[in-house]
């Protein structure tokens, strides 16, 4: 096709995650059983959004040849956030420390995503299965225990991670860059009605 654009998935994934978090809260307020469905979907989409964002950074800003970029894409999501900003020449004032917020909760989000998208039988106390996730857990081990407050935590953590990434590369990770790209003409032939070597009429 002669016209091209670049689809950048972070913004739509992030916006959908926020919307699902709102729906989970509305369901909770109404006593609706769909609360867990909306909450678990929000958490997953927000993890997907952060992965889309850091992969976009790798693609656009890492000074590596394609084979090395491909290898970098294969490391874990927390590792990408820990190493990629400095690799891109960013100024990392606050290191990615998985024992400190918001990184601690972000790592828990990613671990929850792995639990949910690679489902297998799990042994857990009957009280936890019937009563839901422990209050001390950032996110539940079972999707059916996801609640609106878990989704809201995922939204706030994602925002904090994005703001941190922006602080490391403020001249690069900007809203205009996150959102999309202008449509460009990529066909080697000139647009219809023009001939090579001739200037268009004023």
C-alpha atoms as a PDB file:
ATOM      1  CA  UNK A   1       0.000   0.000   0.000  1.00  0.00           C
ATOM      2  CA  UNK A   2       1.339   3.471  -0.859  1.00  0.00           C
ATOM      3  CA  UNK A   3       0.275   5.169   2.376  1.00  0.00           C
ATOM      4  CA  UNK A   4       1.575   3.991   5.738  1.00  0.00           C
ATOM      5  CA  UNK A   5       1.209   4.840   9.392  1.00  0.00           C
ATOM      6  CA  UNK A   6       2.535   3.329  12.611  1.00  0.00           C
ATOM      7  CA  UNK A   7       0.089   1.808  15.077  1.00  0.00           C
ATOM      8  CA  UNK A   8       1.303   2.300  18.650  1.00  0.00           C
ATOM      9  CA  UNK A   9      -0.761   0.175  21.055  1.00  0.00           C
ATOM     10  CA  UNK A  10       0.118   1.765  24.406  1.00  0.00           C
ATOM     11  CA  UNK A  11      -2.509   4.533  24.445  1.00  0.00           C
ATOM     12  CA  UNK A  12      -5.539   2.410  23.414  1.00  0.00           C
ATOM     13  CA  UNK A  13      -4.535  -0.382  25.810  1.00  0.00           C
ATOM     14  CA  UNK A  14      -4.036   2.074  28.678  1.00  0.00           C
ATOM     15  CA  UNK A  15      -7.323   3.868  27.999  1.00  0.00           C
ATOM     16  CA  UNK A  16      -9.222   0.575  27.789  1.00  0.00           C
ATOM     17  CA  UNK A  17      -7.640  -0.551  31.065  1.00  0.00           C
ATOM     18  CA  UNK A  18      -8.751   2.664  32.771  1.00  0.00           C
ATOM     19  CA  UNK A  19     -12.258   2.285  31.368  1.00  0.00           C
ATOM     20  CA  UNK A  20     -12.511  -1.300  32.615  1.00  0.00           C
ATOM     21  CA  UNK A  21     -11.369  -0.136  36.057  1.00  0.00           C
ATOM     22  CA  UNK A  22     -14.219   2.377  36.098  1.00  0.00           C
ATOM     23  CA  UNK A  23     -16.671  -0.339  35.037  1.00  0.00           C
ATOM     24  CA  UNK A  24     -15.386  -2.577  37.838  1.00  0.00           C
ATOM     25  CA  UNK A  25     -16.034   0.204  40.366  1.00  0.00           C
ATOM     26  CA  UNK A  26     -19.524   0.797  38.972  1.00  0.00           C
ATOM     27  CA  UNK A  27     -20.248  -2.936  39.155  1.00  0.00           C
ATOM     28  CA  UNK A  28     -19.014  -3.045  42.756  1.00  0.00           C
ATOM     29  CA  UNK A  29     -21.195  -0.111  43.743  1.00  0.00           C
ATOM     30  CA  UNK A  30     -24.205  -1.791  42.142  1.00  0.00           C
ATOM     31  CA  UNK A  31     -23.476  -5.178  43.675  1.00  0.00           C
ATOM     32  CA  UNK A  32     -23.006  -6.579  40.184  1.00  0.00           C
ATOM     33  CA  UNK A  33     -21.262  -9.928  39.787  1.00  0.00           C
ATOM     34  CA  UNK A  34     -19.333  -8.582  36.782  1.00  0.00           C
ATOM     35  CA  UNK A  35     -16.921  -6.728  39.080  1.00  0.00           C
ATOM     36  CA  UNK A  36     -14.295  -9.471  38.878  1.00  0.00           C
ATOM     37  CA  UNK A  37     -14.608  -9.715  35.078  1.00  0.00           C
ATOM     38  CA  UNK A  38     -13.974  -6.014  34.588  1.00  0.00           C
ATOM     39  CA  UNK A  39     -11.234  -5.895  37.235  1.00  0.00           C
ATOM     40  CA  UNK A  40      -9.210  -8.819  35.920  1.00  0.00           C
ATOM     41  CA  UNK A  41      -9.500  -7.523  32.355  1.00  0.00           C
ATOM     42  CA  UNK A  42      -8.289  -4.087  33.463  1.00  0.00           C
ATOM     43  CA  UNK A  43      -5.233  -5.519  35.210  1.00  0.00           C
ATOM     44  CA  UNK A  44      -4.239  -7.617  32.212  1.00  0.00           C
ATOM     45  CA  UNK A  45      -4.657  -4.773  29.718  1.00  0.00           C
ATOM     46  CA  UNK A  46      -2.599  -2.426  31.860  1.00  0.00           C
ATOM     47  CA  UNK A  47       0.277  -4.911  31.997  1.00  0.00           C
ATOM     48  CA  UNK A  48      -0.005  -5.293  28.228  1.00  0.00           C
ATOM     49  CA  UNK A  49       0.087  -1.500  27.944  1.00  0.00           C
ATOM     50  CA  UNK A  50       3.334  -1.171  29.894  1.00  0.00           C
ATOM     51  CA  UNK A  51       4.921  -3.882  27.761  1.00  0.00           C
ATOM     52  CA  UNK A  52       3.777  -2.129  24.596  1.00  0.00           C
ATOM     53  CA  UNK A  53       5.327   1.122  25.833  1.00  0.00           C
ATOM     54  CA  UNK A  54       8.749  -0.241  26.762  1.00  0.00           C
ATOM     55  CA  UNK A  55       8.882  -2.284  23.542  1.00  0.00           C
ATOM     56  CA  UNK A  56       8.166   0.932  21.648  1.00  0.00           C
ATOM     57  CA  UNK A  57      11.093   2.569  23.457  1.00  0.00           C
ATOM     58  CA  UNK A  58      13.343  -0.351  22.500  1.00  0.00           C
ATOM     59  CA  UNK A  59      12.253  -0.161  18.882  1.00  0.00           C
ATOM     60  CA  UNK A  60      12.650   3.590  18.502  1.00  0.00           C
ATOM     61  CA  UNK A  61      15.498   4.604  20.795  1.00  0.00           C
ATOM     62  CA  UNK A  62      17.929   1.775  21.588  1.00  0.00           C
ATOM     63  CA  UNK A  63      21.190   2.221  19.629  1.00  0.00           C
ATOM     64  CA  UNK A  64      21.401  -1.478  18.780  1.00  0.00           C
ATOM     65  CA  UNK A  65      21.416  -3.520  15.596  1.00  0.00           C
ATOM     66  CA  UNK A  66      18.257  -5.511  14.945  1.00  0.00           C
ATOM     67  CA  UNK A  67      19.534  -8.892  16.213  1.00  0.00           C
ATOM     68  CA  UNK A  68      20.462  -7.325  19.575  1.00  0.00           C
ATOM     69  CA  UNK A  69      17.118  -5.537  19.759  1.00  0.00           C
ATOM     70  CA  UNK A  70      15.422  -8.881  19.201  1.00  0.00           C
ATOM     71  CA  UNK A  71      17.353 -10.369  22.128  1.00  0.00           C
ATOM     72  CA  UNK A  72      16.457  -7.401  24.315  1.00  0.00           C
ATOM     73  CA  UNK A  73      12.781  -7.950  23.534  1.00  0.00           C
ATOM     74  CA  UNK A  74      13.031 -11.416  25.107  1.00  0.00           C
ATOM     75  CA  UNK A  75      14.053 -10.396  28.623  1.00  0.00           C
ATOM     76  CA  UNK A  76      11.424 -10.032  31.346  1.00  0.00           C
ATOM     77  CA  UNK A  77       9.216  -6.974  31.508  1.00  0.00           C
ATOM     78  CA  UNK A  78      10.643  -5.667  34.821  1.00  0.00           C
ATOM     79  CA  UNK A  79      14.167  -6.153  33.430  1.00  0.00           C
ATOM     80  CA  UNK A  80      13.276  -4.069  30.386  1.00  0.00           C
ATOM     81  CA  UNK A  81      12.234  -1.160  32.580  1.00  0.00           C
ATOM     82  CA  UNK A  82      15.327  -1.614  34.743  1.00  0.00           C
ATOM     83  CA  UNK A  83      17.874  -1.578  31.900  1.00  0.00           C
ATOM     84  CA  UNK A  84      16.404   0.059  28.806  1.00  0.00           C
ATOM     85  CA  UNK A  85      16.245   3.745  29.929  1.00  0.00           C
ATOM     86  CA  UNK A  86      19.982   3.829  30.686  1.00  0.00           C
ATOM     87  CA  UNK A  87      20.725   1.869  27.514  1.00  0.00           C
ATOM     88  CA  UNK A  88      18.912   4.580  25.559  1.00  0.00           C
ATOM     89  CA  UNK A  89      20.998   7.318  27.174  1.00  0.00           C
ATOM     90  CA  UNK A  90      18.326   8.366  29.642  1.00  0.00           C
ATOM     91  CA  UNK A  91      18.984  10.000  32.992  1.00  0.00           C
ATOM     92  CA  UNK A  92      17.820   7.574  35.668  1.00  0.00           C
ATOM     93  CA  UNK A  93      17.550   9.578  38.894  1.00  0.00           C
ATOM     94  CA  UNK A  94      15.540   6.892  40.680  1.00  0.00           C
ATOM     95  CA  UNK A  95      16.802   3.378  39.855  1.00  0.00           C
ATOM     96  CA  UNK A  96      14.284   0.610  39.193  1.00  0.00           C
ATOM     97  CA  UNK A  97      14.214  -1.090  42.597  1.00  0.00           C
ATOM     98  CA  UNK A  98      11.682  -3.955  42.912  1.00  0.00           C
ATOM     99  CA  UNK A  99      11.616  -3.451  46.687  1.00  0.00           C
ATOM    100  CA  UNK A 100      10.469   0.180  46.413  1.00  0.00           C
ATOM    101  CA  UNK A 101       7.153   1.620  45.175  1.00  0.00           C
ATOM    102  CA  UNK A 102       5.867   1.931  42.511  1.00  0.00           C
ATOM    103  CA  UNK A 103       8.214  -0.752  41.167  1.00  0.00           C
ATOM    104  CA  UNK A 104       7.259  -3.279  43.856  1.00  0.00           C
ATOM    105  CA  UNK A 105       3.571  -3.196  42.912  1.00  0.00           C
ATOM    106  CA  UNK A 106       4.455  -3.164  39.208  1.00  0.00           C
ATOM    107  CA  UNK A 107       6.468  -6.379  39.627  1.00  0.00           C
ATOM    108  CA  UNK A 108       3.468  -7.893  41.455  1.00  0.00           C
ATOM    109  CA  UNK A 109       1.217  -6.882  38.530  1.00  0.00           C
ATOM    110  CA  UNK A 110       3.503  -8.628  36.064  1.00  0.00           C
ATOM    111  CA  UNK A 111       3.684 -11.752  38.235  1.00  0.00           C
ATOM    112  CA  UNK A 112      -0.126 -11.780  38.427  1.00  0.00           C
ATOM    113  CA  UNK A 113      -0.336 -11.526  34.659  1.00  0.00           C
ATOM    114  CA  UNK A 114       1.931 -14.590  34.340  1.00  0.00           C
ATOM    115  CA  UNK A 115      -0.217 -16.551  36.783  1.00  0.00           C
ATOM    116  CA  UNK A 116      -3.404 -15.743  34.925  1.00  0.00           C
ATOM    117  CA  UNK A 117      -2.296 -16.200  31.321  1.00  0.00           C
ATOM    118  CA  UNK A 118      -0.535 -19.498  32.025  1.00  0.00           C
ATOM    119  CA  UNK A 119      -3.352 -21.183  33.953  1.00  0.00           C
ATOM    120  CA  UNK A 120      -2.855 -24.502  35.675  1.00  0.00           C
ATOM    121  CA  UNK A 121      -4.315 -26.192  38.771  1.00  0.00           C
ATOM    122  CA  UNK A 122      -3.288 -24.457  41.980  1.00  0.00           C
ATOM    123  CA  UNK A 123      -3.286 -25.625  45.575  1.00  0.00           C
ATOM    124  CA  UNK A 124      -4.429 -22.973  48.008  1.00  0.00           C
ATOM    125  CA  UNK A 125      -6.177 -22.806  51.382  1.00  0.00           C
ATOM    126  CA  UNK A 126      -9.922 -23.369  51.230  1.00  0.00           C
ATOM    127  CA  UNK A 127     -10.455 -20.158  53.194  1.00  0.00           C
ATOM    128  CA  UNK A 128      -8.623 -18.186  50.515  1.00  0.00           C
ATOM    129  CA  UNK A 129     -10.586 -19.856  47.727  1.00  0.00           C
ATOM    130  CA  UNK A 130     -13.925 -19.089  49.383  1.00  0.00           C
ATOM    131  CA  UNK A 131     -13.064 -15.754  50.948  1.00  0.00           C
ATOM    132  CA  UNK A 132     -10.945 -14.094  48.293  1.00  0.00           C
ATOM    133  CA  UNK A 133      -7.415 -12.791  48.228  1.00  0.00           C
ATOM    134  CA  UNK A 134      -5.667 -11.924  51.516  1.00  0.00           C
ATOM    135  CA  UNK A 135      -5.814  -8.243  52.385  1.00  0.00           C
ATOM    136  CA  UNK A 136      -2.009  -8.126  52.346  1.00  0.00           C
ATOM    137  CA  UNK A 137      -1.820  -9.178  48.672  1.00  0.00           C
ATOM    138  CA  UNK A 138      -1.416  -6.459  46.050  1.00  0.00           C
ATOM    139  CA  UNK A 139      -3.276  -8.648  43.543  1.00  0.00           C
ATOM    140  CA  UNK A 140      -5.139 -11.948  43.876  1.00  0.00           C
ATOM    141  CA  UNK A 141      -3.752 -15.270  42.732  1.00  0.00           C
ATOM    142  CA  UNK A 142      -7.082 -16.187  41.132  1.00  0.00           C
ATOM    143  CA  UNK A 143      -8.776 -13.972  38.514  1.00  0.00           C
ATOM    144  CA  UNK A 144     -12.180 -14.607  40.078  1.00  0.00           C
ATOM    145  CA  UNK A 145     -10.976 -12.757  43.196  1.00  0.00           C
ATOM    146  CA  UNK A 146     -10.077  -9.576  41.296  1.00  0.00           C
ATOM    147  CA  UNK A 147     -11.940  -6.547  42.613  1.00  0.00           C
ATOM    148  CA  UNK A 148     -12.325  -2.892  41.696  1.00  0.00           C
ATOM    149  CA  UNK A 149      -9.669  -1.776  44.182  1.00  0.00           C
ATOM    150  CA  UNK A 150      -7.170  -4.130  42.517  1.00  0.00           C
ATOM    151  CA  UNK A 151      -7.931  -2.549  39.145  1.00  0.00           C
ATOM    152  CA  UNK A 152      -7.606   0.950  40.602  1.00  0.00           C
ATOM    153  CA  UNK A 153      -4.223  -0.008  42.055  1.00  0.00           C
ATOM    154  CA  UNK A 154      -3.153  -1.254  38.629  1.00  0.00           C
ATOM    155  CA  UNK A 155      -4.178   2.057  37.033  1.00  0.00           C
ATOM    156  CA  UNK A 156      -2.297   4.169  39.572  1.00  0.00           C
ATOM    157  CA  UNK A 157       0.787   1.934  39.346  1.00  0.00           C
ATOM    158  CA  UNK A 158       0.803   2.092  35.556  1.00  0.00           C
ATOM    159  CA  UNK A 159       0.559   5.885  35.681  1.00  0.00           C
ATOM    160  CA  UNK A 160       3.470   6.018  38.120  1.00  0.00           C
ATOM    161  CA  UNK A 161       5.622   3.734  35.958  1.00  0.00           C
ATOM    162  CA  UNK A 162       4.898   5.796  32.854  1.00  0.00           C
ATOM    163  CA  UNK A 163       5.729   9.033  34.678  1.00  0.00           C
ATOM    164  CA  UNK A 164       8.986   7.486  35.898  1.00  0.00           C
ATOM    165  CA  UNK A 165       9.893   6.405  32.363  1.00  0.00           C
ATOM    166  CA  UNK A 166       9.092   9.891  31.073  1.00  0.00           C
ATOM    167  CA  UNK A 167      11.362  11.389  33.740  1.00  0.00           C
ATOM    168  CA  UNK A 168      14.282   9.304  32.466  1.00  0.00           C
ATOM    169  CA  UNK A 169      13.838  10.466  28.851  1.00  0.00           C
ATOM    170  CA  UNK A 170      11.699  13.634  28.902  1.00  0.00           C
ATOM    171  CA  UNK A 171      12.830  14.714  25.441  1.00  0.00           C
ATOM    172  CA  UNK A 172      11.795  11.390  23.901  1.00  0.00           C
ATOM    173  CA  UNK A 173       8.968   9.727  25.837  1.00  0.00           C
ATOM    174  CA  UNK A 174       6.341  12.377  25.199  1.00  0.00           C
ATOM    175  CA  UNK A 175       2.594  12.159  24.698  1.00  0.00           C
ATOM    176  CA  UNK A 176       2.861  12.969  21.009  1.00  0.00           C
ATOM    177  CA  UNK A 177       5.335  10.109  20.532  1.00  0.00           C
ATOM    178  CA  UNK A 178       3.242   7.639  22.536  1.00  0.00           C
ATOM    179  CA  UNK A 179       0.056   8.243  20.640  1.00  0.00           C
ATOM    180  CA  UNK A 180       0.855   7.529  17.028  1.00  0.00           C
ATOM    181  CA  UNK A 181       2.616   8.646  13.909  1.00  0.00           C
ATOM    182  CA  UNK A 182       1.704  10.829  10.961  1.00  0.00           C
ATOM    183  CA  UNK A 183       0.699   9.142   7.734  1.00  0.00           C
ATOM    184  CA  UNK A 184       3.622   9.097   5.341  1.00  0.00           C
ATOM    185  CA  UNK A 185       4.042   8.452   1.655  1.00  0.00           C
ATOM    186  CA  UNK A 186       6.199   5.374   1.210  1.00  0.00           C
ATOM    187  CA  UNK A 187       5.589   4.376  -2.409  1.00  0.00           C
ATOM    188  CA  UNK A 188       8.720   5.035  -4.512  1.00  0.00           C
ATOM    189  CA  UNK A 189       6.460   6.322  -7.281  1.00  0.00           C
ATOM    190  CA  UNK A 190       5.276   9.942  -7.069  1.00  0.00           C
ATOM    191  CA  UNK A 191       1.627  10.643  -6.227  1.00  0.00           C
ATOM    192  CA  UNK A 192      -0.822  10.327  -9.100  1.00  0.00           C
ATOM    193  CA  UNK A 193      -0.718  13.247 -11.491  1.00  0.00           C
ATOM    194  CA  UNK A 194       2.941  14.120 -10.863  1.00  0.00           C
ATOM    195  CA  UNK A 195       6.022  13.202 -12.790  1.00  0.00           C
ATOM    196  CA  UNK A 196       9.505  12.827 -11.411  1.00  0.00           C
ATOM    197  CA  UNK A 197      11.718  15.835 -11.913  1.00  0.00           C
ATOM    198  CA  UNK A 198       8.828  18.270 -12.266  1.00  0.00           C
ATOM    199  CA  UNK A 199       7.695  20.640  -9.570  1.00  0.00           C
ATOM    200  CA  UNK A 200       3.976  20.783  -8.800  1.00  0.00           C
ATOM    201  CA  UNK A 201       2.169  23.810 -10.112  1.00  0.00           C
ATOM    202  CA  UNK A 202       1.479  26.533  -7.508  1.00  0.00           C
END
